[in-house]
Amino acid sequence: MSIQQFNGEWISQEDRVLFRFNTSTGEEFSFWLTRMMVRGLIQGSQQVTVKALEKTHEPQVAQAVQSFQQQSAAAQANFNDAYKPATQKPLGEAPLLVIGLVINPQDDGQTAIELQLITKNSVNLKLPPHVLQIMMTLLNKLQERAGWGVGFDDAPALALAPPEARQVH
């Protein structure tokens, strides 16, 4: 199963994001994401990406590379195509509330995301870096629309300047 399209909408009456995606096998999954879950997804994915980049770069360089990759993904993302709902909905018609997250890097460079649902079930995603970046770009746009302040620009950034030399007496 690979993800074909993401779709999301901030629902002001619920103060939640309706997040859904369809797959290459004709399935659709729908979820309610709270502010806390969107923050966890954005910050968790950024941390996993930076940690992976730190294997080949200094930490400050890894942070800068991650930021550049995210900006590049945002510039290339196409949110103009109409979402094509799938007919098969394994979790049912109604969106399910996500109440927990587990985000882990995989040895093959992908990122595993476990969405823990209110029904006590979980949905497990394994996303290649470019798909993860597109998903995070969409979630960032939705949190901006909601005015939640939990997006890319709101995460604490590492200073790129070298530390000042300290004189010891």
N, C-alpha and C. Protein backbone atom coordinates (compact mmCIF):
# COMPACT_ATOMS: atom_id res chain seq x y z
N MET A 1 0.84 -1.18 0.00
CA MET A 1 0.00 0.00 0.00
C MET A 1 0.89 1.24 0.00
N SER A 2 0.74 2.08 -0.98
CA SER A 2 1.44 3.36 -0.97
C SER A 2 0.41 4.48 -1.02
N ILE A 3 0.76 5.58 -0.41
CA ILE A 3 -0.15 6.72 -0.34
C ILE A 3 -0.14 7.44 -1.68
N GLN A 4 -1.32 7.70 -2.20
CA GLN A 4 -1.48 8.41 -3.47
C GLN A 4 -1.65 9.91 -3.24
N GLN A 5 -2.56 10.26 -2.31
CA GLN A 5 -2.91 11.66 -2.08
C GLN A 5 -3.18 11.90 -0.61
N PHE A 6 -2.80 13.08 -0.15
CA PHE A 6 -3.18 13.56 1.17
C PHE A 6 -4.25 14.62 0.99
N ASN A 7 -5.07 14.78 2.03
CA ASN A 7 -6.08 15.83 2.02
C ASN A 7 -6.29 16.26 3.46
N GLY A 8 -6.52 17.53 3.66
CA GLY A 8 -6.77 18.00 5.01
C GLY A 8 -7.59 19.27 4.99
N GLU A 9 -8.26 19.49 6.12
CA GLU A 9 -9.09 20.67 6.27
C GLU A 9 -9.20 20.98 7.75
N TRP A 10 -9.01 22.25 8.10
CA TRP A 10 -9.23 22.65 9.47
C TRP A 10 -10.72 22.92 9.64
N ILE A 11 -11.32 22.25 10.60
CA ILE A 11 -12.75 22.42 10.88
C ILE A 11 -12.86 23.28 12.13
N SER A 12 -13.24 24.55 11.95
CA SER A 12 -13.23 25.49 13.06
C SER A 12 -14.18 25.09 14.19
N GLN A 13 -15.35 24.53 13.85
CA GLN A 13 -16.32 24.13 14.88
C GLN A 13 -15.75 23.05 15.80
N GLU A 14 -14.89 22.22 15.27
CA GLU A 14 -14.27 21.14 16.04
C GLU A 14 -12.91 21.56 16.61
N ASP A 15 -12.33 22.62 16.05
CA ASP A 15 -10.95 23.03 16.33
C ASP A 15 -10.02 21.83 16.18
N ARG A 16 -10.25 21.13 15.08
CA ARG A 16 -9.43 19.96 14.73
C ARG A 16 -9.18 19.96 13.23
N VAL A 17 -8.18 19.19 12.86
CA VAL A 17 -7.89 18.99 11.44
C VAL A 17 -8.49 17.66 11.02
N LEU A 18 -9.26 17.69 9.94
CA LEU A 18 -9.73 16.46 9.30
C LEU A 18 -8.64 16.09 8.30
N PHE A 19 -7.96 15.00 8.56
CA PHE A 19 -6.82 14.57 7.75
C PHE A 19 -7.16 13.22 7.14
N ARG A 20 -6.98 13.11 5.84
CA ARG A 20 -7.25 11.82 5.20
C ARG A 20 -6.25 11.60 4.07
N PHE A 21 -6.15 10.34 3.70
CA PHE A 21 -5.31 9.99 2.56
C PHE A 21 -5.91 8.78 1.87
N ASN A 22 -5.60 8.67 0.57
CA ASN A 22 -6.01 7.49 -0.18
C ASN A 22 -4.76 6.75 -0.64
N THR A 23 -4.97 5.49 -0.97
CA THR A 23 -3.83 4.62 -1.29
C THR A 23 -3.92 4.07 -2.71
N SER A 24 -2.83 3.48 -3.13
CA SER A 24 -2.77 2.87 -4.46
C SER A 24 -3.68 1.65 -4.56
N THR A 25 -4.12 1.12 -3.43
CA THR A 25 -5.02 -0.05 -3.43
C THR A 25 -6.48 0.35 -3.32
N GLY A 26 -6.78 1.65 -3.48
CA GLY A 26 -8.16 2.12 -3.48
C GLY A 26 -8.80 2.25 -2.11
N GLU A 27 -7.98 2.45 -1.08
CA GLU A 27 -8.50 2.61 0.28
C GLU A 27 -8.33 4.06 0.73
N GLU A 28 -9.23 4.47 1.63
CA GLU A 28 -9.14 5.80 2.22
C GLU A 28 -9.18 5.69 3.73
N PHE A 29 -8.34 6.49 4.38
CA PHE A 29 -8.27 6.54 5.83
C PHE A 29 -8.50 7.98 6.27
N SER A 30 -9.39 8.18 7.25
CA SER A 30 -9.73 9.52 7.72
C SER A 30 -9.52 9.63 9.23
N PHE A 31 -8.94 10.76 9.64
CA PHE A 31 -8.61 10.96 11.05
C PHE A 31 -8.92 12.39 11.48
N TRP A 32 -9.23 12.53 12.77
CA TRP A 32 -9.26 13.84 13.41
C TRP A 32 -7.92 14.02 14.10
N LEU A 33 -7.27 15.16 13.83
CA LEU A 33 -6.01 15.49 14.49
C LEU A 33 -6.22 16.74 15.34
N THR A 34 -5.88 16.65 16.62
CA THR A 34 -5.94 17.81 17.50
C THR A 34 -4.68 18.64 17.32
N ARG A 35 -4.67 19.82 17.93
CA ARG A 35 -3.49 20.68 17.90
C ARG A 35 -2.27 19.92 18.42
N MET A 36 -2.46 19.20 19.51
CA MET A 36 -1.35 18.46 20.11
C MET A 36 -0.80 17.39 19.16
N MET A 37 -1.67 16.70 18.43
CA MET A 37 -1.21 15.66 17.51
C MET A 37 -0.50 16.27 16.30
N VAL A 38 -1.00 17.41 15.80
CA VAL A 38 -0.33 18.08 14.68
C VAL A 38 1.05 18.54 15.12
N ARG A 39 1.14 19.11 16.32
CA ARG A 39 2.44 19.53 16.84
C ARG A 39 3.38 18.33 16.95
N GLY A 40 2.87 17.22 17.47
CA GLY A 40 3.69 16.02 17.61
C GLY A 40 4.18 15.48 16.28
N LEU A 41 3.31 15.49 15.28
CA LEU A 41 3.70 15.02 13.95
C LEU A 41 4.77 15.92 13.33
N ILE A 42 4.56 17.23 13.40
CA ILE A 42 5.51 18.15 12.79
C ILE A 42 6.86 18.11 13.51
N GLN A 43 6.83 18.25 14.83
CA GLN A 43 8.09 18.27 15.57
C GLN A 43 8.78 16.91 15.54
N GLY A 44 8.01 15.84 15.66
CA GLY A 44 8.59 14.50 15.63
C GLY A 44 9.24 14.18 14.30
N SER A 45 8.58 14.56 13.21
CA SER A 45 9.17 14.29 11.89
C SER A 45 10.42 15.13 11.67
N GLN A 46 10.42 16.36 12.16
CA GLN A 46 11.61 17.19 12.03
C GLN A 46 12.77 16.58 12.82
N GLN A 47 12.50 16.10 14.02
CA GLN A 47 13.56 15.50 14.84
C GLN A 47 14.12 14.24 14.19
N VAL A 48 13.24 13.39 13.66
CA VAL A 48 13.70 12.16 13.01
C VAL A 48 14.56 12.49 11.79
N THR A 49 14.12 13.47 11.02
CA THR A 49 14.87 13.87 9.83
C THR A 49 16.25 14.42 10.20
N VAL A 50 16.28 15.28 11.21
CA VAL A 50 17.56 15.86 11.64
C VAL A 50 18.49 14.77 12.17
N LYS A 51 17.96 13.85 12.96
CA LYS A 51 18.79 12.76 13.50
C LYS A 51 19.39 11.92 12.37
N ALA A 52 18.60 11.65 11.34
CA ALA A 52 19.11 10.89 10.20
C ALA A 52 20.22 11.66 9.48
N LEU A 53 20.03 12.97 9.33
CA LEU A 53 21.04 13.80 8.67
C LEU A 53 22.31 13.93 9.51
N GLU A 54 22.17 13.81 10.83
CA GLU A 54 23.34 13.92 11.70
C GLU A 54 24.30 12.74 11.54
N LYS A 55 23.87 11.70 10.87
CA LYS A 55 24.77 10.57 10.60
C LYS A 55 25.86 10.97 9.61
N THR A 56 25.56 11.98 8.78
CA THR A 56 26.53 12.40 7.76
C THR A 56 26.90 13.88 7.87
N HIS A 57 26.28 14.62 8.79
CA HIS A 57 26.54 16.05 8.94
C HIS A 57 26.67 16.41 10.42
N GLU A 58 27.32 17.52 10.66
CA GLU A 58 27.35 18.09 12.01
C GLU A 58 25.91 18.48 12.39
N PRO A 59 25.56 18.50 13.68
CA PRO A 59 24.18 18.80 14.09
C PRO A 59 23.62 20.11 13.53
N GLN A 60 24.42 21.18 13.55
CA GLN A 60 23.92 22.46 13.05
C GLN A 60 23.70 22.41 11.54
N VAL A 61 24.57 21.73 10.84
CA VAL A 61 24.42 21.58 9.39
C VAL A 61 23.20 20.71 9.09
N ALA A 62 23.01 19.65 9.86
CA ALA A 62 21.84 18.77 9.68
C ALA A 62 20.55 19.56 9.84
N GLN A 63 20.50 20.46 10.84
CA GLN A 63 19.31 21.30 11.05
C GLN A 63 19.07 22.19 9.84
N ALA A 64 20.13 22.78 9.31
CA ALA A 64 20.00 23.66 8.14
C ALA A 64 19.55 22.87 6.91
N VAL A 65 20.11 21.68 6.71
CA VAL A 65 19.73 20.84 5.57
C VAL A 65 18.26 20.44 5.68
N GLN A 66 17.82 20.07 6.88
CA GLN A 66 16.42 19.69 7.09
C GLN A 66 15.50 20.86 6.75
N SER A 67 15.86 22.04 7.20
CA SER A 67 15.06 23.23 6.92
C SER A 67 14.99 23.51 5.42
N PHE A 68 16.13 23.38 4.74
CA PHE A 68 16.16 23.58 3.30
C PHE A 68 15.30 22.53 2.58
N GLN A 69 15.40 21.27 2.99
CA GLN A 69 14.59 20.22 2.37
C GLN A 69 13.10 20.49 2.55
N GLN A 70 12.72 20.98 3.73
CA GLN A 70 11.32 21.27 3.99
C GLN A 70 10.84 22.42 3.12
N GLN A 71 11.65 23.46 2.99
CA GLN A 71 11.30 24.59 2.14
C GLN A 71 11.18 24.16 0.69
N SER A 72 12.07 23.30 0.25
CA SER A 72 12.04 22.79 -1.12
C SER A 72 10.77 21.97 -1.36
N ALA A 73 10.41 21.12 -0.40
CA ALA A 73 9.19 20.32 -0.53
C ALA A 73 7.97 21.22 -0.58
N ALA A 74 7.96 22.27 0.23
CA ALA A 74 6.82 23.20 0.25
C ALA A 74 6.69 23.91 -1.10
N ALA A 75 7.82 24.28 -1.69
CA ALA A 75 7.79 24.98 -2.97
C ALA A 75 7.32 24.06 -4.10
N GLN A 76 7.61 22.77 -4.00
CA GLN A 76 7.27 21.83 -5.07
C GLN A 76 5.92 21.14 -4.87
N ALA A 77 5.34 21.26 -3.67
CA ALA A 77 4.09 20.55 -3.38
C ALA A 77 2.96 21.11 -4.24
N ASN A 78 2.13 20.21 -4.72
CA ASN A 78 0.98 20.59 -5.55
C ASN A 78 -0.29 20.27 -4.78
N PHE A 79 -0.91 21.31 -4.24
CA PHE A 79 -2.15 21.12 -3.51
C PHE A 79 -3.36 21.56 -4.34
N ASN A 80 -3.17 21.68 -5.65
CA ASN A 80 -4.25 22.12 -6.52
C ASN A 80 -5.08 20.98 -7.09
N ASP A 81 -4.52 19.77 -7.13
CA ASP A 81 -5.28 18.64 -7.67
C ASP A 81 -6.43 18.30 -6.73
N ALA A 82 -7.60 18.07 -7.30
CA ALA A 82 -8.76 17.70 -6.48
C ALA A 82 -8.52 16.34 -5.84
N TYR A 83 -8.90 16.23 -4.58
CA TYR A 83 -8.76 14.97 -3.86
C TYR A 83 -9.76 13.96 -4.42
N LYS A 84 -9.29 12.74 -4.62
CA LYS A 84 -10.15 11.68 -5.16
C LYS A 84 -10.46 10.69 -4.04
N PRO A 85 -11.64 10.80 -3.42
CA PRO A 85 -11.99 9.86 -2.35
C PRO A 85 -12.02 8.43 -2.87
N ALA A 86 -11.60 7.51 -2.03
CA ALA A 86 -11.61 6.09 -2.40
C ALA A 86 -12.93 5.46 -1.93
N THR A 87 -13.29 4.36 -2.54
CA THR A 87 -14.54 3.70 -2.19
C THR A 87 -14.40 2.78 -0.99
N GLN A 88 -13.22 2.20 -0.80
CA GLN A 88 -13.01 1.30 0.33
C GLN A 88 -12.50 2.10 1.53
N LYS A 89 -13.21 1.95 2.65
CA LYS A 89 -12.84 2.68 3.88
C LYS A 89 -12.72 1.67 5.01
N PRO A 90 -11.53 1.06 5.15
CA PRO A 90 -11.33 -0.01 6.13
C PRO A 90 -11.66 0.37 7.57
N LEU A 91 -11.54 1.66 7.90
CA LEU A 91 -11.82 2.09 9.27
C LEU A 91 -13.23 2.65 9.43
N GLY A 92 -14.00 2.63 8.34
CA GLY A 92 -15.36 3.15 8.39
C GLY A 92 -15.46 4.53 7.76
N GLU A 93 -16.70 5.02 7.67
CA GLU A 93 -16.96 6.32 7.04
C GLU A 93 -16.49 7.49 7.89
N ALA A 94 -16.69 7.40 9.20
CA ALA A 94 -16.39 8.52 10.09
C ALA A 94 -14.90 8.59 10.40
N PRO A 95 -14.35 9.81 10.46
CA PRO A 95 -12.95 9.96 10.85
C PRO A 95 -12.76 9.50 12.30
N LEU A 96 -11.59 8.94 12.58
CA LEU A 96 -11.28 8.48 13.94
C LEU A 96 -10.28 9.44 14.58
N LEU A 97 -10.47 9.69 15.87
CA LEU A 97 -9.60 10.59 16.62
C LEU A 97 -8.27 9.92 16.91
N VAL A 98 -7.18 10.62 16.56
CA VAL A 98 -5.83 10.15 16.89
C VAL A 98 -5.50 10.66 18.28
N ILE A 99 -5.15 9.73 19.19
CA ILE A 99 -4.87 10.12 20.58
C ILE A 99 -3.41 9.91 20.97
N GLY A 100 -2.61 9.34 20.08
CA GLY A 100 -1.20 9.13 20.37
C GLY A 100 -0.41 8.90 19.11
N LEU A 101 0.90 9.11 19.21
CA LEU A 101 1.81 8.97 18.06
C LEU A 101 3.09 8.28 18.48
N VAL A 102 3.63 7.50 17.56
CA VAL A 102 4.99 6.99 17.70
C VAL A 102 5.66 7.21 16.35
N ILE A 103 6.79 7.91 16.37
CA ILE A 103 7.52 8.21 15.13
C ILE A 103 8.94 7.69 15.28
N ASN A 104 9.35 6.84 14.34
CA ASN A 104 10.68 6.24 14.41
C ASN A 104 11.33 6.20 13.03
N PRO A 105 12.64 6.46 12.98
CA PRO A 105 13.36 6.29 11.72
C PRO A 105 13.53 4.80 11.43
N GLN A 106 13.60 4.46 10.16
CA GLN A 106 13.83 3.08 9.75
C GLN A 106 15.22 2.98 9.11
N ASP A 107 15.77 1.79 9.13
CA ASP A 107 17.11 1.58 8.57
C ASP A 107 17.17 1.88 7.07
N ASP A 108 16.04 1.76 6.38
CA ASP A 108 16.02 2.00 4.93
C ASP A 108 15.82 3.47 4.57
N GLY A 109 15.85 4.37 5.58
CA GLY A 109 15.72 5.80 5.31
C GLY A 109 14.29 6.31 5.41
N GLN A 110 13.34 5.41 5.52
CA GLN A 110 11.96 5.83 5.64
C GLN A 110 11.64 6.15 7.10
N THR A 111 10.46 6.72 7.32
CA THR A 111 10.00 7.04 8.66
C THR A 111 8.73 6.27 8.94
N ALA A 112 8.70 5.58 10.08
CA ALA A 112 7.51 4.85 10.50
C ALA A 112 6.71 5.74 11.45
N ILE A 113 5.42 5.87 11.16
CA ILE A 113 4.52 6.64 12.02
C ILE A 113 3.37 5.73 12.43
N GLU A 114 3.20 5.60 13.73
CA GLU A 114 2.05 4.85 14.26
C GLU A 114 1.05 5.87 14.78
N LEU A 115 -0.15 5.86 14.19
CA LEU A 115 -1.25 6.70 14.65
C LEU A 115 -2.09 5.86 15.60
N GLN A 116 -2.10 6.21 16.87
CA GLN A 116 -2.87 5.46 17.86
C GLN A 116 -4.25 6.09 17.95
N LEU A 117 -5.27 5.26 17.75
CA LEU A 117 -6.64 5.74 17.62
C LEU A 117 -7.44 5.57 18.90
N ILE A 118 -8.50 6.35 19.02
CA ILE A 118 -9.37 6.29 20.18
C ILE A 118 -10.03 4.92 20.32
N THR A 119 -10.11 4.18 19.24
CA THR A 119 -10.71 2.84 19.24
C THR A 119 -9.74 1.79 19.79
N LYS A 120 -8.56 2.22 20.22
CA LYS A 120 -7.49 1.35 20.73
C LYS A 120 -6.76 0.61 19.60
N ASN A 121 -7.11 0.89 18.36
CA ASN A 121 -6.40 0.35 17.20
C ASN A 121 -5.30 1.33 16.79
N SER A 122 -4.46 0.90 15.89
CA SER A 122 -3.40 1.77 15.36
C SER A 122 -3.35 1.63 13.85
N VAL A 123 -2.91 2.70 13.21
CA VAL A 123 -2.61 2.66 11.78
C VAL A 123 -1.13 2.97 11.65
N ASN A 124 -0.42 2.10 10.94
CA ASN A 124 1.03 2.24 10.78
C ASN A 124 1.36 2.67 9.36
N LEU A 125 2.12 3.75 9.26
CA LEU A 125 2.56 4.27 7.97
C LEU A 125 4.07 4.15 7.90
N LYS A 126 4.57 3.87 6.72
CA LYS A 126 6.01 3.86 6.47
C LYS A 126 6.22 4.77 5.27
N LEU A 127 6.79 5.95 5.53
CA LEU A 127 6.86 6.98 4.50
C LEU A 127 8.29 7.28 4.07
N PRO A 128 8.52 7.31 2.74
CA PRO A 128 9.82 7.77 2.26
C PRO A 128 9.96 9.27 2.56
N PRO A 129 11.19 9.78 2.59
CA PRO A 129 11.41 11.18 2.98
C PRO A 129 10.58 12.19 2.21
N HIS A 130 10.47 12.06 0.88
CA HIS A 130 9.74 13.07 0.11
C HIS A 130 8.24 13.04 0.43
N VAL A 131 7.68 11.88 0.71
CA VAL A 131 6.26 11.78 1.06
C VAL A 131 6.03 12.37 2.45
N LEU A 132 6.95 12.10 3.37
CA LEU A 132 6.87 12.67 4.72
C LEU A 132 6.91 14.20 4.64
N GLN A 133 7.79 14.74 3.82
CA GLN A 133 7.91 16.20 3.68
C GLN A 133 6.62 16.81 3.14
N ILE A 134 5.99 16.14 2.17
CA ILE A 134 4.73 16.65 1.62
C ILE A 134 3.64 16.62 2.68
N MET A 135 3.56 15.52 3.43
CA MET A 135 2.56 15.41 4.49
C MET A 135 2.76 16.52 5.53
N MET A 136 4.01 16.77 5.91
CA MET A 136 4.29 17.80 6.91
C MET A 136 4.00 19.19 6.37
N THR A 137 4.24 19.41 5.08
CA THR A 137 3.92 20.70 4.46
C THR A 137 2.42 20.95 4.53
N LEU A 138 1.62 19.92 4.23
CA LEU A 138 0.17 20.06 4.33
C LEU A 138 -0.25 20.35 5.76
N LEU A 139 0.26 19.59 6.72
CA LEU A 139 -0.11 19.81 8.12
C LEU A 139 0.33 21.20 8.59
N ASN A 140 1.47 21.67 8.11
CA ASN A 140 1.92 23.01 8.48
C ASN A 140 0.95 24.07 7.94
N LYS A 141 0.52 23.91 6.69
CA LYS A 141 -0.45 24.86 6.12
C LYS A 141 -1.75 24.85 6.92
N LEU A 142 -2.20 23.67 7.31
CA LEU A 142 -3.45 23.56 8.07
C LEU A 142 -3.33 24.19 9.45
N GLN A 143 -2.20 23.99 10.12
CA GLN A 143 -2.04 24.60 11.45
C GLN A 143 -1.92 26.11 11.33
N GLU A 144 -1.35 26.60 10.23
CA GLU A 144 -1.30 28.06 10.02
C GLU A 144 -2.71 28.60 9.86
N ARG A 145 -3.53 27.91 9.08
CA ARG A 145 -4.92 28.32 8.87
C ARG A 145 -5.68 28.34 10.20
N ALA A 146 -5.38 27.36 11.06
CA ALA A 146 -6.05 27.27 12.36
C ALA A 146 -5.50 28.29 13.36
N GLY A 147 -4.31 28.83 13.09
CA GLY A 147 -3.69 29.77 14.01
C GLY A 147 -3.16 29.12 15.27
N TRP A 148 -2.71 27.88 15.15
CA TRP A 148 -2.27 27.11 16.32
C TRP A 148 -0.85 27.44 16.78
N GLY A 149 0.00 27.91 15.90
CA GLY A 149 1.37 28.24 16.30
C GLY A 149 2.23 27.03 16.65
N VAL A 150 2.05 25.93 15.91
CA VAL A 150 2.82 24.71 16.19
C VAL A 150 3.58 24.22 14.96
N GLY A 151 3.79 25.11 13.99
CA GLY A 151 4.37 24.69 12.72
C GLY A 151 5.88 24.84 12.65
N PHE A 152 6.39 24.79 11.43
CA PHE A 152 7.82 24.84 11.19
C PHE A 152 8.45 26.10 11.78
N ASP A 153 7.83 27.24 11.54
CA ASP A 153 8.39 28.51 11.98
C ASP A 153 8.31 28.68 13.49
N ASP A 154 7.49 27.87 14.16
CA ASP A 154 7.29 28.01 15.59
C ASP A 154 8.18 27.08 16.40
N ALA A 155 8.83 26.13 15.73
CA ALA A 155 9.72 25.19 16.42
C ALA A 155 11.02 25.91 16.77
N PRO A 156 11.60 25.60 17.93
CA PRO A 156 12.86 26.24 18.27
C PRO A 156 13.95 25.87 17.27
N ALA A 157 14.63 26.86 16.77
CA ALA A 157 15.68 26.63 15.77
C ALA A 157 17.05 26.65 16.43
N LEU A 158 17.94 25.87 15.90
CA LEU A 158 19.32 25.89 16.38
C LEU A 158 20.03 27.07 15.74
N ALA A 159 20.84 27.73 16.50
CA ALA A 159 21.63 28.83 15.95
C ALA A 159 22.70 28.25 15.03
N LEU A 160 22.88 28.89 13.89
CA LEU A 160 23.87 28.40 12.94
C LEU A 160 25.23 29.04 13.14
N ALA A 161 25.31 30.07 13.98
CA ALA A 161 26.59 30.73 14.23
C ALA A 161 27.43 29.87 15.16
N PRO A 162 28.74 29.86 14.95
CA PRO A 162 29.59 29.09 15.85
C PRO A 162 29.55 29.70 17.25
N PRO A 163 29.76 28.89 18.27
CA PRO A 163 29.74 29.44 19.63
C PRO A 163 30.88 30.44 19.81
N GLU A 164 30.61 31.44 20.65
CA GLU A 164 31.62 32.46 20.90
C GLU A 164 32.78 31.86 21.67
N ALA A 165 33.97 32.36 21.37
CA ALA A 165 35.14 31.91 22.12
C ALA A 165 35.06 32.49 23.53
N ARG A 166 35.33 31.68 24.51
CA ARG A 166 35.27 32.13 25.89
C ARG A 166 36.69 32.19 26.44
N GLN A 167 36.92 33.26 27.15
CA GLN A 167 38.24 33.44 27.74
C GLN A 167 38.20 32.91 29.17
N VAL A 168 39.15 32.08 29.50
CA VAL A 168 39.23 31.52 30.83
C VAL A 168 40.42 32.16 31.54
N HIS A 169 40.21 32.64 32.75
CA HIS A 169 41.29 33.29 33.52
C HIS A 169 41.87 32.35 34.53
